[in-house]
């Protein structure tokens, strides 16, 4: 998917930096995310491009687990599902006027507080 290619985040050696970049890239394409979410629910991974997208996100979370950044008691595939669900929820809330315009940090905090193995350093991204 173009968002993954544009971000270059998956090539990063630091999983938190990669995740932050992915969040920014996804939120910058909010209208596209909303459209795709309405056409292809997260669980519909039958199409090649969507499956490739999910596999790349799985790889990011698995890498973070191996490095001790993300919890290992949850599968990488489940972390991908949780991330995408939270992302889609944030995009939808923004479109309905229920989320602030600066939502990247909010999304990052909400997601990481549940999957980080240690308290992340909250330095400005």
PDB file of N, CA and C in Angstrom:
ATOM      1  N   UNK A   1       0.847  -1.177   0.000  1.00  0.00           N
ATOM      2  CA  UNK A   1       0.000   0.000   0.000  1.00  0.00           C
ATOM      3  C   UNK A   1       0.892   1.241   0.000  1.00  0.00           C
ATOM      4  N   UNK A   2       0.464   2.264  -0.670  1.00  0.00           N
ATOM      5  CA  UNK A   2       1.244   3.490  -0.851  1.00  0.00           C
ATOM      6  C   UNK A   2       1.646   4.120   0.478  1.00  0.00           C
ATOM      7  N   UNK A   3       0.790   4.075   1.481  1.00  0.00           N
ATOM      8  CA  UNK A   3       1.109   4.686   2.774  1.00  0.00           C
ATOM      9  C   UNK A   3       2.360   4.048   3.364  1.00  0.00           C
ATOM     10  N   UNK A   4       2.469   2.743   3.257  1.00  0.00           N
ATOM     11  CA  UNK A   4       3.639   2.049   3.797  1.00  0.00           C
ATOM     12  C   UNK A   4       4.891   2.439   3.020  1.00  0.00           C
ATOM     13  N   UNK A   5       4.769   2.563   1.719  1.00  0.00           N
ATOM     14  CA  UNK A   5       5.913   2.949   0.896  1.00  0.00           C
ATOM     15  C   UNK A   5       6.324   4.389   1.153  1.00  0.00           C
ATOM     16  N   UNK A   6       5.354   5.285   1.296  1.00  0.00           N
ATOM     17  CA  UNK A   6       5.647   6.697   1.527  1.00  0.00           C
ATOM     18  C   UNK A   6       6.336   6.929   2.860  1.00  0.00           C
ATOM     19  N   UNK A   7       5.951   6.179   3.861  1.00  0.00           N
ATOM     20  CA  UNK A   7       6.481   6.430   5.193  1.00  0.00           C
ATOM     21  C   UNK A   7       7.910   5.973   5.347  1.00  0.00           C
ATOM     22  N   UNK A   8       8.287   4.917   4.646  1.00  0.00           N
ATOM     23  CA  UNK A   8       9.614   4.366   4.834  1.00  0.00           C
ATOM     24  C   UNK A   8       9.792   3.837   6.245  1.00  0.00           C
ATOM     25  N   UNK A   9       8.726   3.830   7.017  1.00  0.00           N
ATOM     26  CA  UNK A   9       8.799   3.509   8.437  1.00  0.00           C
ATOM     27  C   UNK A   9       9.164   2.062   8.706  1.00  0.00           C
ATOM     28  N   UNK A  10       8.792   1.170   7.840  1.00  0.00           N
ATOM     29  CA  UNK A  10       9.051  -0.231   8.118  1.00  0.00           C
ATOM     30  C   UNK A  10      10.517  -0.588   7.955  1.00  0.00           C
ATOM     31  N   UNK A  11      11.273   0.268   7.293  1.00  0.00           N
ATOM     32  CA  UNK A  11      12.705   0.025   7.148  1.00  0.00           C
ATOM     33  C   UNK A  11      13.473   0.553   8.356  1.00  0.00           C
ATOM     34  N   UNK A  12      12.796   1.291   9.209  1.00  0.00           N
ATOM     35  CA  UNK A  12      13.438   1.862  10.387  1.00  0.00           C
ATOM     36  C   UNK A  12      13.882   0.761  11.337  1.00  0.00           C
ATOM     37  N   UNK A  13      14.991   0.988  12.005  1.00  0.00           N
ATOM     38  CA  UNK A  13      15.460   0.001  12.967  1.00  0.00           C
ATOM     39  C   UNK A  13      14.811   0.210  14.328  1.00  0.00           C
ATOM     40  N   UNK A  14      14.162   1.320  14.537  1.00  0.00           N
ATOM     41  CA  UNK A  14      13.560   1.629  15.825  1.00  0.00           C
ATOM     42  C   UNK A  14      12.038   1.516  15.703  1.00  0.00           C
ATOM     43  N   UNK A  15      11.429   0.501  16.309  1.00  0.00           N
ATOM     44  CA  UNK A  15       9.993   0.248  16.126  1.00  0.00           C
ATOM     45  C   UNK A  15       9.084   1.406  16.547  1.00  0.00           C
ATOM     46  N   UNK A  16       9.421   2.114  17.627  1.00  0.00           N
ATOM     47  CA  UNK A  16       8.557   3.224  18.043  1.00  0.00           C
ATOM     48  C   UNK A  16       8.578   4.363  17.029  1.00  0.00           C
ATOM     49  N   UNK A  17       9.742   4.653  16.475  1.00  0.00           N
ATOM     50  CA  UNK A  17       9.831   5.683  15.439  1.00  0.00           C
ATOM     51  C   UNK A  17       9.047   5.252  14.208  1.00  0.00           C
ATOM     52  N   UNK A  18       9.137   3.975  13.857  1.00  0.00           N
ATOM     53  CA  UNK A  18       8.395   3.455  12.713  1.00  0.00           C
ATOM     54  C   UNK A  18       6.897   3.573  12.957  1.00  0.00           C
ATOM     55  N   UNK A  19       6.455   3.227  14.151  1.00  0.00           N
ATOM     56  CA  UNK A  19       5.031   3.314  14.475  1.00  0.00           C
ATOM     57  C   UNK A  19       4.540   4.755  14.428  1.00  0.00           C
ATOM     58  N   UNK A  20       5.319   5.667  14.966  1.00  0.00           N
ATOM     59  CA  UNK A  20       4.938   7.090  14.932  1.00  0.00           C
ATOM     60  C   UNK A  20       4.780   7.587  13.495  1.00  0.00           C
ATOM     61  N   UNK A  21       5.723   7.213  12.648  1.00  0.00           N
ATOM     62  CA  UNK A  21       5.658   7.626  11.245  1.00  0.00           C
ATOM     63  C   UNK A  21       4.440   7.019  10.555  1.00  0.00           C
ATOM     64  N   UNK A  22       4.165   5.752  10.832  1.00  0.00           N
ATOM     65  CA  UNK A  22       2.981   5.110  10.247  1.00  0.00           C
ATOM     66  C   UNK A  22       1.698   5.816  10.676  1.00  0.00           C
ATOM     67  N   UNK A  23       1.622   6.182  11.933  1.00  0.00           N
ATOM     68  CA  UNK A  23       0.429   6.896  12.423  1.00  0.00           C
ATOM     69  C   UNK A  23       0.263   8.205  11.663  1.00  0.00           C
ATOM     70  N   UNK A  24       1.350   8.975  11.548  1.00  0.00           N
ATOM     71  CA  UNK A  24       1.263  10.257  10.823  1.00  0.00           C
ATOM     72  C   UNK A  24       0.851  10.050   9.375  1.00  0.00           C
ATOM     73  N   UNK A  25       1.457   9.065   8.702  1.00  0.00           N
ATOM     74  CA  UNK A  25       1.123   8.797   7.298  1.00  0.00           C
ATOM     75  C   UNK A  25      -0.336   8.378   7.140  1.00  0.00           C
ATOM     76  N   UNK A  26      -0.805   7.519   8.011  1.00  0.00           N
ATOM     77  CA  UNK A  26      -2.200   7.074   7.929  1.00  0.00           C
ATOM     78  C   UNK A  26      -3.169   8.225   8.183  1.00  0.00           C
ATOM     79  N   UNK A  27      -2.912   9.012   9.222  1.00  0.00           N
ATOM     80  CA  UNK A  27      -3.825  10.104   9.542  1.00  0.00           C
ATOM     81  C   UNK A  27      -3.814  11.192   8.476  1.00  0.00           C
ATOM     82  N   UNK A  28      -2.679  11.381   7.806  1.00  0.00           N
ATOM     83  CA  UNK A  28      -2.610  12.359   6.719  1.00  0.00           C
ATOM     84  C   UNK A  28      -3.495  11.935   5.550  1.00  0.00           C
ATOM     85  N   UNK A  29      -3.778  10.654   5.462  1.00  0.00           N
ATOM     86  CA  UNK A  29      -4.631  10.113   4.401  1.00  0.00           C
ATOM     87  C   UNK A  29      -5.985   9.678   4.973  1.00  0.00           C
ATOM     88  N   UNK A  30      -6.516  10.449   5.906  1.00  0.00           N
ATOM     89  CA  UNK A  30      -7.747  10.086   6.604  1.00  0.00           C
ATOM     90  C   UNK A  30      -8.915   9.754   5.700  1.00  0.00           C
ATOM     91  N   UNK A  31      -9.099  10.524   4.638  1.00  0.00           N
ATOM     92  CA  UNK A  31     -10.229  10.267   3.739  1.00  0.00           C
ATOM     93  C   UNK A  31     -10.071   8.920   3.044  1.00  0.00           C
ATOM     94  N   UNK A  32      -8.847   8.614   2.622  1.00  0.00           N
ATOM     95  CA  UNK A  32      -8.590   7.325   1.989  1.00  0.00           C
ATOM     96  C   UNK A  32      -8.817   6.185   2.981  1.00  0.00           C
ATOM     97  N   UNK A  33      -8.352   6.358   4.204  1.00  0.00           N
ATOM     98  CA  UNK A  33      -8.536   5.333   5.238  1.00  0.00           C
ATOM     99  C   UNK A  33     -10.018   5.102   5.485  1.00  0.00           C
ATOM    100  N   UNK A  34     -10.792   6.168   5.575  1.00  0.00           N
ATOM    101  CA  UNK A  34     -12.230   6.022   5.799  1.00  0.00           C
ATOM    102  C   UNK A  34     -12.895   5.286   4.641  1.00  0.00           C
ATOM    103  N   UNK A  35     -12.508   5.621   3.420  1.00  0.00           N
ATOM    104  CA  UNK A  35     -13.067   4.952   2.247  1.00  0.00           C
ATOM    105  C   UNK A  35     -12.724   3.465   2.261  1.00  0.00           C
ATOM    106  N   UNK A  36     -11.447   3.144   2.480  1.00  0.00           N
ATOM    107  CA  UNK A  36     -11.026   1.747   2.490  1.00  0.00           C
ATOM    108  C   UNK A  36     -11.698   0.969   3.615  1.00  0.00           C
ATOM    109  N   UNK A  37     -11.833   1.601   4.770  1.00  0.00           N
ATOM    110  CA  UNK A  37     -12.480   0.922   5.898  1.00  0.00           C
ATOM    111  C   UNK A  37     -13.936   0.605   5.591  1.00  0.00           C
ATOM    112  N   UNK A  38     -14.582   1.475   4.818  1.00  0.00           N
ATOM    113  CA  UNK A  38     -15.986   1.214   4.476  1.00  0.00           C
ATOM    114  C   UNK A  38     -16.123   0.138   3.407  1.00  0.00           C
ATOM    115  N   UNK A  39     -15.101  -0.042   2.591  1.00  0.00           N
ATOM    116  CA  UNK A  39     -15.147  -1.026   1.509  1.00  0.00           C
ATOM    117  C   UNK A  39     -14.520  -2.365   1.878  1.00  0.00           C
ATOM    118  N   UNK A  40     -13.459  -2.297   2.689  1.00  0.00           N
ATOM    119  CA  UNK A  40     -12.703  -3.502   3.036  1.00  0.00           C
ATOM    120  C   UNK A  40     -12.494  -3.544   4.539  1.00  0.00           C
ATOM    121  N   UNK A  41     -13.398  -4.156   5.273  1.00  0.00           N
ATOM    122  CA  UNK A  41     -13.190  -4.262   6.728  1.00  0.00           C
ATOM    123  C   UNK A  41     -11.845  -4.920   7.024  1.00  0.00           C
ATOM    124  N   UNK A  42     -11.284  -4.616   8.184  1.00  0.00           N
ATOM    125  CA  UNK A  42      -9.962  -5.089   8.560  1.00  0.00           C
ATOM    126  C   UNK A  42      -9.836  -6.602   8.401  1.00  0.00           C
ATOM    127  N   UNK A  43     -10.884  -7.338   8.701  1.00  0.00           N
ATOM    128  CA  UNK A  43     -10.797  -8.801   8.651  1.00  0.00           C
ATOM    129  C   UNK A  43     -10.845  -9.367   7.232  1.00  0.00           C
ATOM    130  N   UNK A  44     -11.085  -8.541   6.228  1.00  0.00           N
ATOM    131  CA  UNK A  44     -11.151  -9.022   4.848  1.00  0.00           C
ATOM    132  C   UNK A  44      -9.775  -8.958   4.209  1.00  0.00           C
ATOM    133  N   UNK A  45      -8.970  -9.969   4.425  1.00  0.00           N
ATOM    134  CA  UNK A  45      -7.616  -9.971   3.885  1.00  0.00           C
ATOM    135  C   UNK A  45      -7.502 -10.876   2.663  1.00  0.00           C
ATOM    136  N   UNK A  46      -8.566 -11.010   1.904  1.00  0.00           N
ATOM    137  CA  UNK A  46      -8.554 -11.922   0.766  1.00  0.00           C
ATOM    138  C   UNK A  46      -7.865 -11.324  -0.454  1.00  0.00           C
ATOM    139  N   UNK A  47      -7.862 -10.035  -0.587  1.00  0.00           N
ATOM    140  CA  UNK A  47      -7.222  -9.416  -1.739  1.00  0.00           C
ATOM    141  C   UNK A  47      -5.722  -9.301  -1.502  1.00  0.00           C
ATOM    142  N   UNK A  48      -4.965  -9.518  -2.548  1.00  0.00           N
ATOM    143  CA  UNK A  48      -3.506  -9.553  -2.434  1.00  0.00           C
ATOM    144  C   UNK A  48      -2.944  -8.287  -1.805  1.00  0.00           C
ATOM    145  N   UNK A  49      -3.364  -7.109  -2.272  1.00  0.00           N
ATOM    146  CA  UNK A  49      -2.780  -5.884  -1.767  1.00  0.00           C
ATOM    147  C   UNK A  49      -3.093  -5.673  -0.296  1.00  0.00           C
ATOM    148  N   UNK A  50      -4.284  -5.996   0.114  1.00  0.00           N
ATOM    149  CA  UNK A  50      -4.636  -5.850   1.520  1.00  0.00           C
ATOM    150  C   UNK A  50      -3.866  -6.867   2.360  1.00  0.00           C
ATOM    151  N   UNK A  51      -3.720  -8.071   1.880  1.00  0.00           N
ATOM    152  CA  UNK A  51      -2.967  -9.099   2.606  1.00  0.00           C
ATOM    153  C   UNK A  51      -1.501  -8.666   2.760  1.00  0.00           C
ATOM    154  N   UNK A  52      -0.922  -8.118   1.692  1.00  0.00           N
ATOM    155  CA  UNK A  52       0.459  -7.625   1.726  1.00  0.00           C
ATOM    156  C   UNK A  52       0.604  -6.509   2.761  1.00  0.00           C
ATOM    157  N   UNK A  53      -0.347  -5.623   2.797  1.00  0.00           N
ATOM    158  CA  UNK A  53      -0.372  -4.520   3.752  1.00  0.00           C
ATOM    159  C   UNK A  53      -0.395  -5.062   5.183  1.00  0.00           C
ATOM    160  N   UNK A  54      -1.283  -6.004   5.445  1.00  0.00           N
ATOM    161  CA  UNK A  54      -1.377  -6.589   6.781  1.00  0.00           C
ATOM    162  C   UNK A  54      -0.100  -7.330   7.159  1.00  0.00           C
ATOM    163  N   UNK A  55       0.494  -8.034   6.212  1.00  0.00           N
ATOM    164  CA  UNK A  55       1.737  -8.765   6.488  1.00  0.00           C
ATOM    165  C   UNK A  55       2.880  -7.814   6.832  1.00  0.00           C
ATOM    166  N   UNK A  56       2.922  -6.667   6.181  1.00  0.00           N
ATOM    167  CA  UNK A  56       3.984  -5.697   6.482  1.00  0.00           C
ATOM    168  C   UNK A  56       3.801  -5.087   7.865  1.00  0.00           C
ATOM    169  N   UNK A  57       2.560  -4.829   8.239  1.00  0.00           N
ATOM    170  CA  UNK A  57       2.313  -4.337   9.593  1.00  0.00           C
ATOM    171  C   UNK A  57       2.642  -5.415  10.623  1.00  0.00           C
ATOM    172  N   UNK A  58       2.248  -6.648  10.338  1.00  0.00           N
ATOM    173  CA  UNK A  58       2.601  -7.769  11.226  1.00  0.00           C
ATOM    174  C   UNK A  58       4.120  -7.810  11.431  1.00  0.00           C
ATOM    175  N   UNK A  59       4.870  -7.639  10.347  1.00  0.00           N
ATOM    176  CA  UNK A  59       6.329  -7.696  10.420  1.00  0.00           C
ATOM    177  C   UNK A  59       6.883  -6.587  11.313  1.00  0.00           C
ATOM    178  N   UNK A  60       6.296  -5.397  11.246  1.00  0.00           N
ATOM    179  CA  UNK A  60       6.725  -4.299  12.105  1.00  0.00           C
ATOM    180  C   UNK A  60       6.520  -4.665  13.569  1.00  0.00           C
ATOM    181  N   UNK A  61       5.340  -5.173  13.891  1.00  0.00           N
ATOM    182  CA  UNK A  61       5.057  -5.511  15.283  1.00  0.00           C
ATOM    183  C   UNK A  61       5.903  -6.689  15.748  1.00  0.00           C
ATOM    184  N   UNK A  62       6.127  -7.664  14.884  1.00  0.00           N
ATOM    185  CA  UNK A  62       6.966  -8.802  15.246  1.00  0.00           C
ATOM    186  C   UNK A  62       8.400  -8.348  15.515  1.00  0.00           C
ATOM    187  N   UNK A  63       8.906  -7.460  14.686  1.00  0.00           N
ATOM    188  CA  UNK A  63      10.242  -6.921  14.892  1.00  0.00           C
ATOM    189  C   UNK A  63      10.336  -6.190  16.231  1.00  0.00           C
ATOM    190  N   UNK A  64       9.315  -5.402  16.526  1.00  0.00           N
ATOM    191  CA  UNK A  64       9.276  -4.696  17.813  1.00  0.00           C
ATOM    192  C   UNK A  64       9.199  -5.658  18.992  1.00  0.00           C
ATOM    193  N   UNK A  65       8.500  -6.759  18.811  1.00  0.00           N
ATOM    194  CA  UNK A  65       8.443  -7.770  19.865  1.00  0.00           C
ATOM    195  C   UNK A  65       9.820  -8.406  20.070  1.00  0.00           C
ATOM    196  N   UNK A  66      10.495  -8.736  18.988  1.00  0.00           N
ATOM    197  CA  UNK A  66      11.830  -9.351  19.082  1.00  0.00           C
ATOM    198  C   UNK A  66      12.826  -8.411  19.749  1.00  0.00           C
ATOM    199  N   UNK A  67      12.635  -7.102  19.556  1.00  0.00           N
ATOM    200  CA  UNK A  67      13.539  -6.115  20.152  1.00  0.00           C
ATOM    201  C   UNK A  67      13.141  -5.768  21.584  1.00  0.00           C
ATOM    202  N   UNK A  68      12.036  -6.336  22.059  1.00  0.00           N
ATOM    203  CA  UNK A  68      11.603  -6.096  23.430  1.00  0.00           C
ATOM    204  C   UNK A  68      10.846  -4.799  23.626  1.00  0.00           C
ATOM    205  N   UNK A  69      10.365  -4.197  22.543  1.00  0.00           N
ATOM    206  CA  UNK A  69       9.646  -2.927  22.625  1.00  0.00           C
ATOM    207  C   UNK A  69       8.146  -3.155  22.824  1.00  0.00           C
ATOM    208  N   UNK A  70       7.594  -4.137  22.118  1.00  0.00           N
ATOM    209  CA  UNK A  70       6.170  -4.442  22.208  1.00  0.00           C
ATOM    210  C   UNK A  70       5.976  -5.758  22.956  1.00  0.00           C
ATOM    211  N   UNK A  71       4.838  -5.879  23.592  1.00  0.00           N
ATOM    212  CA  UNK A  71       4.496  -7.089  24.345  1.00  0.00           C
ATOM    213  C   UNK A  71       4.580  -8.327  23.470  1.00  0.00           C
ATOM    214  N   UNK A  72       5.107  -9.384  24.036  1.00  0.00           N
ATOM    215  CA  UNK A  72       5.246 -10.639  23.301  1.00  0.00           C
ATOM    216  C   UNK A  72       4.127 -11.621  23.633  1.00  0.00           C
ATOM    217  N   UNK A  73       3.271 -11.280  24.597  1.00  0.00           N
ATOM    218  CA  UNK A  73       2.188 -12.191  24.969  1.00  0.00           C
ATOM    219  C   UNK A  73       0.948 -12.004  24.104  1.00  0.00           C
ATOM    220  N   UNK A  74       1.050 -11.151  23.096  1.00  0.00           N
ATOM    221  CA  UNK A  74      -0.007 -10.909  22.117  1.00  0.00           C
ATOM    222  C   UNK A  74       0.634 -11.121  20.748  1.00  0.00           C
ATOM    223  N   UNK A  75      -0.034 -11.806  19.850  1.00  0.00           N
ATOM    224  CA  UNK A  75       0.574 -12.055  18.544  1.00  0.00           C
ATOM    225  C   UNK A  75       0.723 -10.763  17.744  1.00  0.00           C
ATOM    226  N   UNK A  76       1.687 -10.758  16.850  1.00  0.00           N
ATOM    227  CA  UNK A  76       1.887  -9.602  15.978  1.00  0.00           C
ATOM    228  C   UNK A  76       0.644  -9.360  15.130  1.00  0.00           C
ATOM    229  N   UNK A  77      -0.001 -10.431  14.678  1.00  0.00           N
ATOM    230  CA  UNK A  77      -1.224 -10.285  13.874  1.00  0.00           C
ATOM    231  C   UNK A  77      -2.331  -9.596  14.673  1.00  0.00           C
ATOM    232  N   UNK A  78      -2.446  -9.923  15.954  1.00  0.00           N
ATOM    233  CA  UNK A  78      -3.457  -9.263  16.781  1.00  0.00           C
ATOM    234  C   UNK A  78      -3.090  -7.801  17.017  1.00  0.00           C
ATOM    235  N   UNK A  79      -1.813  -7.511  17.194  1.00  0.00           N
ATOM    236  CA  UNK A  79      -1.399  -6.113  17.338  1.00  0.00           C
ATOM    237  C   UNK A  79      -1.759  -5.321  16.088  1.00  0.00           C
ATOM    238  N   UNK A  80      -1.594  -5.927  14.915  1.00  0.00           N
ATOM    239  CA  UNK A  80      -1.981  -5.273  13.663  1.00  0.00           C
ATOM    240  C   UNK A  80      -3.477  -4.984  13.663  1.00  0.00           C
ATOM    241  N   UNK A  81      -4.278  -5.958  14.029  1.00  0.00           N
ATOM    242  CA  UNK A  81      -5.739  -5.774  14.063  1.00  0.00           C
ATOM    243  C   UNK A  81      -6.125  -4.669  15.043  1.00  0.00           C
ATOM    244  N   UNK A  82      -5.493  -4.665  16.208  1.00  0.00           N
ATOM    245  CA  UNK A  82      -5.799  -3.647  17.212  1.00  0.00           C
ATOM    246  C   UNK A  82      -5.400  -2.258  16.718  1.00  0.00           C
ATOM    247  N   UNK A  83      -4.221  -2.165  16.117  1.00  0.00           N
ATOM    248  CA  UNK A  83      -3.744  -0.886  15.590  1.00  0.00           C
ATOM    249  C   UNK A  83      -4.701  -0.343  14.526  1.00  0.00           C
ATOM    250  N   UNK A  84      -5.085  -1.199  13.582  1.00  0.00           N
ATOM    251  CA  UNK A  84      -5.969  -0.751  12.504  1.00  0.00           C
ATOM    252  C   UNK A  84      -7.352  -0.384  13.014  1.00  0.00           C
ATOM    253  N   UNK A  85      -7.851  -1.123  13.979  1.00  0.00           N
ATOM    254  CA  UNK A  85      -9.162  -0.791  14.551  1.00  0.00           C
ATOM    255  C   UNK A  85      -9.126   0.567  15.235  1.00  0.00           C
ATOM    256  N   UNK A  86      -8.080   0.805  16.010  1.00  0.00           N
ATOM    257  CA  UNK A  86      -7.941   2.093  16.685  1.00  0.00           C
ATOM    258  C   UNK A  86      -7.755   3.220  15.675  1.00  0.00           C
ATOM    259  N   UNK A  87      -6.963   2.967  14.652  1.00  0.00           N
ATOM    260  CA  UNK A  87      -6.740   3.955  13.597  1.00  0.00           C
ATOM    261  C   UNK A  87      -8.043   4.303  12.886  1.00  0.00           C
ATOM    262  N   UNK A  88      -8.791   3.294  12.485  1.00  0.00           N
ATOM    263  CA  UNK A  88     -10.063   3.541  11.799  1.00  0.00           C
ATOM    264  C   UNK A  88     -11.049   4.274  12.707  1.00  0.00           C
ATOM    265  N   UNK A  89     -11.051   3.912  13.976  1.00  0.00           N
ATOM    266  CA  UNK A  89     -11.921   4.608  14.923  1.00  0.00           C
ATOM    267  C   UNK A  89     -11.568   6.081  15.047  1.00  0.00           C
ATOM    268  N   UNK A  90     -10.275   6.388  15.072  1.00  0.00           N
ATOM    269  CA  UNK A  90      -9.831   7.777  15.182  1.00  0.00           C
ATOM    270  C   UNK A  90     -10.190   8.566  13.925  1.00  0.00           C
ATOM    271  N   UNK A  91      -9.999   7.969  12.760  1.00  0.00           N
ATOM    272  CA  UNK A  91     -10.353   8.643  11.507  1.00  0.00           C
ATOM    273  C   UNK A  91     -11.851   8.917  11.470  1.00  0.00           C
ATOM    274  N   UNK A  92     -12.643   7.929  11.841  1.00  0.00           N
ATOM    275  CA  UNK A  92     -14.098   8.088  11.850  1.00  0.00           C
ATOM    276  C   UNK A  92     -14.523   9.170  12.845  1.00  0.00           C
ATOM    277  N   UNK A  93     -13.937   9.153  14.030  1.00  0.00           N
ATOM    278  CA  UNK A  93     -14.275  10.160  15.040  1.00  0.00           C
ATOM    279  C   UNK A  93     -13.920  11.560  14.554  1.00  0.00           C
ATOM    280  N   UNK A  94     -12.798  11.693  13.862  1.00  0.00           N
ATOM    281  CA  UNK A  94     -12.397  13.004  13.340  1.00  0.00           C
ATOM    282  C   UNK A  94     -13.381  13.492  12.274  1.00  0.00           C
ATOM    283  N   UNK A  95     -13.798  12.598  11.411  1.00  0.00           N
ATOM    284  CA  UNK A  95     -14.739  12.977  10.360  1.00  0.00           C
ATOM    285  C   UNK A  95     -16.083  13.425  10.935  1.00  0.00           C
ATOM    286  N   UNK A  96     -16.445  12.869  12.078  1.00  0.00           N
ATOM    287  CA  UNK A  96     -17.708  13.253  12.719  1.00  0.00           C
ATOM    288  C   UNK A  96     -17.541  14.396  13.702  1.00  0.00           C
ATOM    289  N   UNK A  97     -16.317  14.939  13.793  1.00  0.00           N
ATOM    290  CA  UNK A  97     -16.059  16.075  14.669  1.00  0.00           C
ATOM    291  C   UNK A  97     -15.904  15.702  16.131  1.00  0.00           C
ATOM    292  N   UNK A  98     -15.604  14.440  16.424  1.00  0.00           N
ATOM    293  CA  UNK A  98     -15.482  13.989  17.810  1.00  0.00           C
ATOM    294  C   UNK A  98     -14.042  13.817  18.268  1.00  0.00           C
ATOM    295  N   UNK A  99     -13.092  14.136  17.422  1.00  0.00           N
ATOM    296  CA  UNK A  99     -11.679  14.009  17.787  1.00  0.00           C
ATOM    297  C   UNK A  99     -10.961  15.297  17.424  1.00  0.00           C
ATOM    298  N   UNK A 100      -9.979  15.683  18.203  1.00  0.00           N
ATOM    299  CA  UNK A 100      -9.235  16.916  17.899  1.00  0.00           C
ATOM    300  C   UNK A 100      -8.409  16.754  16.636  1.00  0.00           C
ATOM    301  N   UNK A 101      -8.043  17.887  16.049  1.00  0.00           N
ATOM    302  CA  UNK A 101      -7.248  17.813  14.828  1.00  0.00           C
ATOM    303  C   UNK A 101      -5.857  17.240  15.108  1.00  0.00           C
ATOM    304  N   UNK A 102      -5.308  17.473  16.283  1.00  0.00           N
ATOM    305  CA  UNK A 102      -3.998  16.887  16.641  1.00  0.00           C
ATOM    306  C   UNK A 102      -4.269  15.558  17.331  1.00  0.00           C
ATOM    307  N   UNK A 103      -4.372  14.535  16.525  1.00  0.00           N
ATOM    308  CA  UNK A 103      -4.767  13.242  17.062  1.00  0.00           C
ATOM    309  C   UNK A 103      -3.688  12.175  16.971  1.00  0.00           C
ATOM    310  N   UNK A 104      -2.578  12.474  16.325  1.00  0.00           N
ATOM    311  CA  UNK A 104      -1.512  11.478  16.182  1.00  0.00           C
ATOM    312  C   UNK A 104      -0.951  11.084  17.543  1.00  0.00           C
ATOM    313  N   UNK A 105      -0.663  12.046  18.390  1.00  0.00           N
ATOM    314  CA  UNK A 105      -0.102  11.747  19.714  1.00  0.00           C
ATOM    315  C   UNK A 105      -1.139  11.007  20.566  1.00  0.00           C
ATOM    316  N   UNK A 106      -2.397  11.385  20.445  1.00  0.00           N
ATOM    317  CA  UNK A 106      -3.453  10.723  21.193  1.00  0.00           C
ATOM    318  C   UNK A 106      -3.561   9.252  20.782  1.00  0.00           C
ATOM    319  N   UNK A 107      -3.513   8.992  19.485  1.00  0.00           N
ATOM    320  CA  UNK A 107      -3.584   7.624  18.975  1.00  0.00           C
ATOM    321  C   UNK A 107      -2.361   6.829  19.423  1.00  0.00           C
ATOM    322  N   UNK A 108      -1.198   7.426  19.319  1.00  0.00           N
ATOM    323  CA  UNK A 108       0.032   6.758  19.747  1.00  0.00           C
ATOM    324  C   UNK A 108      -0.042   6.378  21.223  1.00  0.00           C
ATOM    325  N   UNK A 109      -0.437   7.315  22.063  1.00  0.00           N
ATOM    326  CA  UNK A 109      -0.518   7.040  23.494  1.00  0.00           C
ATOM    327  C   UNK A 109      -1.543   5.951  23.802  1.00  0.00           C
ATOM    328  N   UNK A 110      -2.695   6.024  23.191  1.00  0.00           N
ATOM    329  CA  UNK A 110      -3.744   5.033  23.441  1.00  0.00           C
ATOM    330  C   UNK A 110      -3.284   3.640  23.048  1.00  0.00           C
ATOM    331  N   UNK A 111      -2.606   3.539  21.923  1.00  0.00           N
ATOM    332  CA  UNK A 111      -2.146   2.234  21.449  1.00  0.00           C
ATOM    333  C   UNK A 111      -0.973   1.724  22.280  1.00  0.00           C
ATOM    334  N   UNK A 112       0.031   2.545  22.470  1.00  0.00           N
ATOM    335  CA  UNK A 112       1.252   2.089  23.133  1.00  0.00           C
ATOM    336  C   UNK A 112       1.070   1.790  24.612  1.00  0.00           C
ATOM    337  N   UNK A 113       0.162   2.451  25.267  1.00  0.00           N
ATOM    338  CA  UNK A 113       0.002   2.189  26.697  1.00  0.00           C
ATOM    339  C   UNK A 113      -0.445   0.762  26.945  1.00  0.00           C
ATOM    340  N   UNK A 114      -0.999   0.129  25.924  1.00  0.00           N
ATOM    341  CA  UNK A 114      -1.416  -1.252  26.083  1.00  0.00           C
ATOM    342  C   UNK A 114      -0.439  -2.266  25.535  1.00  0.00           C
ATOM    343  N   UNK A 115       0.506  -1.872  24.649  1.00  0.00           N
ATOM    344  CA  UNK A 115       1.384  -2.869  24.047  1.00  0.00           C
ATOM    345  C   UNK A 115       2.855  -2.692  24.384  1.00  0.00           C
ATOM    346  N   UNK A 116       3.229  -1.569  24.957  1.00  0.00           N
ATOM    347  CA  UNK A 116       4.643  -1.357  25.272  1.00  0.00           C
ATOM    348  C   UNK A 116       5.041  -2.228  26.464  1.00  0.00           C
ATOM    349  N   UNK A 117       6.248  -2.747  26.416  1.00  0.00           N
ATOM    350  CA  UNK A 117       6.727  -3.565  27.520  1.00  0.00           C
ATOM    351  C   UNK A 117       7.243  -2.702  28.661  1.00  0.00           C
ATOM    352  N   UNK A 118       7.562  -1.479  28.360  1.00  0.00           N
ATOM    353  CA  UNK A 118       8.032  -0.539  29.366  1.00  0.00           C
ATOM    354  C   UNK A 118       7.448   0.819  29.020  1.00  0.00           C
ATOM    355  N   UNK A 119       7.484   1.719  29.968  1.00  0.00           N
ATOM    356  CA  UNK A 119       6.954   3.054  29.717  1.00  0.00           C
ATOM    357  C   UNK A 119       7.822   3.742  28.675  1.00  0.00           C
ATOM    358  N   UNK A 120       7.251   4.071  27.493  1.00  0.00           N
ATOM    359  CA  UNK A 120       8.040   4.737  26.469  1.00  0.00           C
ATOM    360  C   UNK A 120       8.392   6.157  26.865  1.00  0.00           C
ATOM    361  N   UNK A 121       9.478   6.633  26.345  1.00  0.00           N
ATOM    362  CA  UNK A 121       9.873   8.024  26.531  1.00  0.00           C
ATOM    363  C   UNK A 121       8.957   8.869  25.660  1.00  0.00           C
ATOM    364  N   UNK A 122       8.255   9.816  26.210  1.00  0.00           N
ATOM    365  CA  UNK A 122       7.263  10.591  25.458  1.00  0.00           C
ATOM    366  C   UNK A 122       7.854  11.867  24.913  1.00  0.00           C
ATOM    367  N   UNK A 123       9.030  11.782  24.342  1.00  0.00           N
ATOM    368  CA  UNK A 123       9.642  12.947  23.698  1.00  0.00           C
ATOM    369  C   UNK A 123       8.822  13.344  22.479  1.00  0.00           C
ATOM    370  N   UNK A 124       8.755  14.620  22.175  1.00  0.00           N
ATOM    371  CA  UNK A 124       7.991  15.056  20.992  1.00  0.00           C
ATOM    372  C   UNK A 124       8.463  14.338  19.733  1.00  0.00           C
ATOM    373  N   UNK A 125       7.495  13.944  18.948  1.00  0.00           N
ATOM    374  CA  UNK A 125       7.823  13.213  17.694  1.00  0.00           C
ATOM    375  C   UNK A 125       8.184  14.162  16.594  1.00  0.00           C
TER     376      UNK A 125
END
